[in-house]
Amino acid sequence: MSVDLYSSARFTAFLVAAGIAAFGLFRAAQMGRGFVNRLYRARAFWTAALTLAFIVNLIISSVLGNGFGFITLIPFVGLVLALFVFADETIQAAIQMDFFHRNTLSWRLVRKPMYVLLLADIAYGLWGTYAGLTSSSVPLLFFTTILVALCVTIVAVTVSAGRTPDRTIKRHVRLFGAFLVGILVVLWTGQPGISPDVNLVSDLAVMATTYMLYLMTMSLSRVGRIQDANG
C-alpha cells in the first residue's frame, strides 16, 4: 500500500470516527438534560463523559501517533479510567436492578483491587514514559495489565446485561460490551511498530468501535420518545 493512499485512508477514518463521536456526544448531553428518570439521566451523562474522553484520545492519537510517550499516554489514561468507572457504575446499577441482586462475578469484592491495580499500572506507565523507558518492558507490562482487566470487565458487563430486566438498559449495556470489545481490538492491533496493513485494520476497528459507542448512546433515545409521548 502506498504511503499517500495509506495516509488518506487513515485521515478519512479519523474524520468519520470523529464526526460520529461528536454527534453521539451532542445527543448524549441532550438526552441527559431531557430525561426525568435518574437512572436514564445518569446513563446519558456517563455516556457523554465516556464519549468526550474517547474523542480527546482519538484526536491526540491521530495528531501525535500511537507512540508510547508521556503526552500521548495522558489522554489514553483518561479514557481507560473513564471506561472502568463507566463499567463499574453500569455493573453496580445492573446488580441493583436485578430482582435477586446477584453479585455479578463477585464484582463488589474485586472492584476495589482492580482499581488499585489499574492506578498502580497507570502510575507505572506514566513513570516509565517520563523516565524515557519506552523501549523496555514497561509498555508491555502496562498494556498487558490493561488488556487483562478489560477482558474481565467485558465478561462482567456481558453477564450484567443478561440479568438486567429493563429492555432499554439491557440493550445499552450489551452495546457497551461490544464497545469494550472494539477497544480491545484497537489496543491489540494498534501498537507502535506494527506494519501499515495491520494498523489500517486498527483504524477500521476505531471506526467500528466509534459506531458502537454511537449506537450505545442512541439506545437511550427510545426512553426519550416514551417520555415525550407520556408528557
Protein backbone atom coordinates (compact mmCIF):
# COMPACT_ATOMS: atom_id res chain seq x y z
CA MET A 1 0.00 0.00 0.00
CA SER A 2 1.45 3.39 -0.99
CA VAL A 3 2.19 5.96 1.70
CA ASP A 4 -0.18 8.54 0.18
CA LEU A 5 -3.08 6.08 -0.04
CA TYR A 6 -2.45 4.85 3.48
CA SER A 7 -2.29 8.40 4.87
CA SER A 8 -5.51 9.34 3.06
CA ALA A 9 -7.27 6.24 4.38
CA ARG A 10 -6.17 7.00 7.95
CA PHE A 11 -7.25 10.63 7.70
CA THR A 12 -10.64 9.60 6.30
CA ALA A 13 -11.10 7.08 9.09
CA PHE A 14 -10.27 9.77 11.65
CA LEU A 15 -12.78 12.25 10.16
CA VAL A 16 -15.57 9.67 10.06
CA ALA A 17 -14.89 8.46 13.61
CA ALA A 18 -14.59 11.99 14.99
CA GLY A 19 -17.83 13.06 13.31
CA ILE A 20 -19.78 10.07 14.63
CA ALA A 21 -18.38 10.52 18.15
CA ALA A 22 -19.08 14.27 18.18
CA PHE A 23 -22.71 13.75 17.19
CA GLY A 24 -23.03 11.00 19.80
CA LEU A 25 -21.65 13.37 22.44
CA PHE A 26 -24.21 16.01 21.47
CA ARG A 27 -27.10 13.52 21.61
CA ALA A 28 -25.99 12.06 24.96
CA ALA A 29 -25.81 15.51 26.57
CA GLN A 30 -29.14 16.47 25.00
CA MET A 31 -30.89 13.35 26.29
CA GLY A 32 -29.30 13.73 29.73
CA ARG A 33 -30.83 17.18 30.09
CA GLY A 34 -34.22 15.92 28.95
CA PHE A 35 -34.60 12.71 30.99
CA VAL A 36 -36.66 12.77 34.18
CA ASN A 37 -35.70 9.32 35.47
CA ARG A 38 -32.46 9.48 37.48
CA LEU A 39 -31.16 6.16 36.14
CA TYR A 40 -31.53 7.17 32.49
CA ARG A 41 -30.21 10.66 33.14
CA ALA A 42 -27.11 9.18 34.81
CA ARG A 43 -26.65 6.73 31.91
CA ALA A 44 -26.83 9.58 29.40
CA PHE A 45 -24.37 11.83 31.22
CA TRP A 46 -21.96 8.96 31.90
CA THR A 47 -22.12 8.11 28.20
CA ALA A 48 -21.40 11.75 27.33
CA ALA A 49 -18.35 11.76 29.64
CA LEU A 50 -17.08 8.50 28.13
CA THR A 51 -17.59 9.84 24.61
CA LEU A 52 -15.70 13.03 25.45
CA ALA A 53 -12.74 11.02 26.79
CA PHE A 54 -12.86 8.89 23.64
CA ILE A 55 -12.83 11.96 21.37
CA VAL A 56 -9.89 13.58 23.19
CA ASN A 57 -7.87 10.36 22.96
CA LEU A 58 -8.84 9.96 19.29
CA ILE A 59 -7.65 13.46 18.40
CA ILE A 60 -4.36 13.22 20.33
CA SER A 61 -3.51 9.79 18.94
CA SER A 62 -4.37 10.90 15.40
CA VAL A 63 -2.22 14.03 15.63
CA LEU A 64 0.73 12.65 17.62
CA GLY A 65 0.50 8.97 16.73
CA ASN A 66 0.23 5.86 18.90
CA GLY A 67 3.75 6.05 20.34
CA PHE A 68 4.31 5.25 23.99
CA GLY A 69 5.04 8.83 25.08
CA PHE A 70 4.09 10.90 28.09
CA ILE A 71 1.87 13.33 26.15
CA THR A 72 0.01 10.64 24.19
CA LEU A 73 -0.38 8.49 27.32
CA ILE A 74 -2.24 11.12 29.35
CA PRO A 75 -5.46 11.15 27.24
CA PHE A 76 -5.25 7.37 26.93
CA VAL A 77 -5.10 7.08 30.71
CA GLY A 78 -8.16 9.35 30.90
CA LEU A 79 -10.02 7.05 28.51
CA VAL A 80 -9.02 3.94 30.47
CA LEU A 81 -10.24 5.47 33.73
CA ALA A 82 -13.49 6.58 32.07
CA LEU A 83 -14.01 3.07 30.70
CA PHE A 84 -13.61 1.33 34.03
CA VAL A 85 -15.58 3.90 36.03
CA PHE A 86 -18.40 3.63 33.47
CA ALA A 87 -18.22 -0.17 33.62
CA ASP A 88 -18.24 -0.12 37.42
CA GLU A 89 -21.29 2.14 37.53
CA THR A 90 -23.02 0.01 34.88
CA ILE A 91 -22.41 -3.29 36.65
CA GLN A 92 -23.49 -1.91 40.04
CA ALA A 93 -26.65 -0.44 38.50
CA ALA A 94 -27.40 -3.83 36.94
CA ILE A 95 -26.95 -5.51 40.34
CA GLN A 96 -29.47 -3.08 41.87
CA MET A 97 -31.94 -3.68 39.03
CA ASP A 98 -31.62 -7.47 39.27
CA PHE A 99 -34.55 -8.91 41.23
CA PHE A 100 -32.20 -11.17 43.22
CA HIS A 101 -29.42 -8.52 43.45
CA ARG A 102 -26.87 -11.10 42.33
CA ASN A 103 -23.27 -10.00 42.78
CA THR A 104 -22.03 -10.37 39.19
CA LEU A 105 -18.73 -12.32 39.20
CA SER A 106 -18.22 -11.13 42.81
CA TRP A 107 -17.79 -7.64 41.35
CA ARG A 108 -18.29 -5.86 44.67
CA LEU A 109 -15.38 -7.88 46.02
CA VAL A 110 -12.96 -7.46 43.10
CA ARG A 111 -13.74 -3.88 42.04
CA LYS A 112 -11.51 -2.20 44.65
CA PRO A 113 -8.47 -4.44 44.00
CA MET A 114 -8.98 -3.82 40.27
CA TYR A 115 -8.99 -0.06 40.81
CA VAL A 116 -5.78 -0.36 42.86
CA LEU A 117 -4.18 -2.49 40.15
CA LEU A 118 -5.17 -0.07 37.40
CA LEU A 119 -3.99 3.01 39.29
CA ALA A 120 -0.67 1.31 40.07
CA ASP A 121 -0.32 0.29 36.42
CA ILE A 122 -1.11 3.83 35.24
CA ALA A 123 1.44 5.30 37.66
CA TYR A 124 3.99 2.76 36.45
CA GLY A 125 3.30 3.60 32.79
CA LEU A 126 3.49 7.35 33.35
CA TRP A 127 6.72 6.94 35.31
CA GLY A 128 8.15 4.79 32.52
CA THR A 129 7.40 7.37 29.83
CA TYR A 130 8.67 10.23 31.99
CA ALA A 131 11.89 8.32 32.68
CA GLY A 132 12.30 7.54 28.97
CA LEU A 133 11.87 3.76 29.36
CA THR A 134 9.79 3.45 26.20
CA SER A 135 11.82 0.61 24.68
CA SER A 136 11.91 -1.57 27.79
CA SER A 137 9.37 -3.95 29.27
CA VAL A 138 7.35 -1.03 30.67
CA PRO A 139 4.97 -0.67 27.67
CA LEU A 140 4.41 -4.44 27.50
CA LEU A 141 3.51 -4.75 31.18
CA PHE A 142 1.43 -1.57 31.07
CA PHE A 143 -0.75 -2.65 28.13
CA THR A 144 -0.95 -6.30 29.22
CA THR A 145 -2.38 -5.29 32.60
CA ILE A 146 -4.99 -3.10 30.92
CA LEU A 147 -5.92 -5.84 28.43
CA VAL A 148 -6.40 -8.41 31.21
CA ALA A 149 -8.53 -6.00 33.26
CA LEU A 150 -10.50 -5.16 30.13
CA CYS A 151 -11.23 -8.85 29.42
CA VAL A 152 -12.52 -9.36 32.98
CA THR A 153 -14.69 -6.25 32.65
CA ILE A 154 -16.15 -7.41 29.32
CA VAL A 155 -17.25 -10.70 30.89
CA ALA A 156 -18.80 -8.89 33.88
CA VAL A 157 -20.63 -6.41 31.64
CA THR A 158 -21.94 -9.22 29.42
CA VAL A 159 -23.30 -11.14 32.43
CA SER A 160 -24.82 -7.93 33.82
CA ALA A 161 -26.67 -7.29 30.57
CA GLY A 162 -28.31 -10.71 30.78
CA ARG A 163 -29.52 -10.01 34.32
CA THR A 164 -30.98 -6.56 33.60
CA PRO A 165 -34.81 -6.63 33.39
CA ASP A 166 -35.15 -3.25 31.68
CA ARG A 167 -35.02 -3.86 27.91
CA THR A 168 -33.60 -0.43 27.11
CA ILE A 169 -30.82 -0.68 29.68
CA LYS A 170 -30.16 -4.28 28.61
CA ARG A 171 -29.53 -3.15 25.02
CA HIS A 172 -27.49 -0.19 26.28
CA VAL A 173 -25.25 -2.47 28.38
CA ARG A 174 -24.85 -5.01 25.57
CA LEU A 175 -23.71 -2.28 23.20
CA PHE A 176 -21.30 -1.07 25.85
CA GLY A 177 -19.88 -4.60 25.94
CA ALA A 178 -19.49 -4.51 22.15
CA PHE A 179 -17.75 -1.14 22.50
CA LEU A 180 -15.31 -2.64 25.03
CA VAL A 181 -14.56 -5.50 22.63
CA GLY A 182 -13.82 -2.90 19.97
CA ILE A 183 -11.44 -1.09 22.34
CA LEU A 184 -9.74 -4.44 22.99
CA VAL A 185 -9.22 -4.98 19.25
CA VAL A 186 -7.92 -1.43 18.77
CA LEU A 187 -5.39 -1.86 21.59
CA TRP A 188 -4.32 -5.25 20.28
CA THR A 189 -3.76 -4.14 16.67
CA GLY A 190 -2.75 -0.51 17.17
CA GLN A 191 0.57 -0.88 18.92
CA PRO A 192 3.57 1.04 17.55
CA GLY A 193 5.88 -0.81 15.18
CA ILE A 194 3.18 -2.91 13.52
CA SER A 195 3.01 -2.98 9.73
CA PRO A 196 0.80 -0.39 7.97
CA ASP A 197 -1.66 -3.06 6.79
CA VAL A 198 -2.33 -4.13 10.38
CA ASN A 199 -2.55 -0.52 11.51
CA LEU A 200 -5.20 0.04 8.85
CA VAL A 201 -7.16 -2.79 10.45
CA SER A 202 -6.83 -0.87 13.71
CA ASP A 203 -8.20 2.27 12.02
CA LEU A 204 -11.20 0.31 10.73
CA ALA A 205 -11.66 -1.07 14.24
CA VAL A 206 -11.67 2.51 15.57
CA MET A 207 -14.50 3.38 13.16
CA ALA A 208 -16.49 0.29 14.16
CA THR A 209 -15.86 0.98 17.86
CA THR A 210 -16.99 4.59 17.46
CA TYR A 211 -20.18 3.40 15.79
CA MET A 212 -20.81 1.01 18.72
CA LEU A 213 -20.44 3.98 21.08
CA TYR A 214 -22.92 5.95 18.97
CA LEU A 215 -25.42 3.05 18.98
CA MET A 216 -24.96 2.77 22.74
CA THR A 217 -25.91 6.43 23.07
CA MET A 218 -28.87 6.19 20.73
CA SER A 219 -30.20 3.10 22.51
CA LEU A 220 -31.38 5.51 25.22
CA SER A 221 -33.35 7.65 22.76
CA ARG A 222 -36.30 5.25 22.96
CA VAL A 223 -36.80 6.36 26.55
CA GLY A 224 -36.91 9.97 25.42
CA ARG A 225 -39.59 9.19 22.85
CA ILE A 226 -41.66 7.38 25.52
CA GLN A 227 -41.34 10.33 27.90
CA ASP A 228 -42.37 12.74 25.14
CA ALA A 229 -45.41 10.62 24.36
CA ASN A 230 -46.40 10.43 28.02
CA GLY A 231 -45.75 14.12 28.53
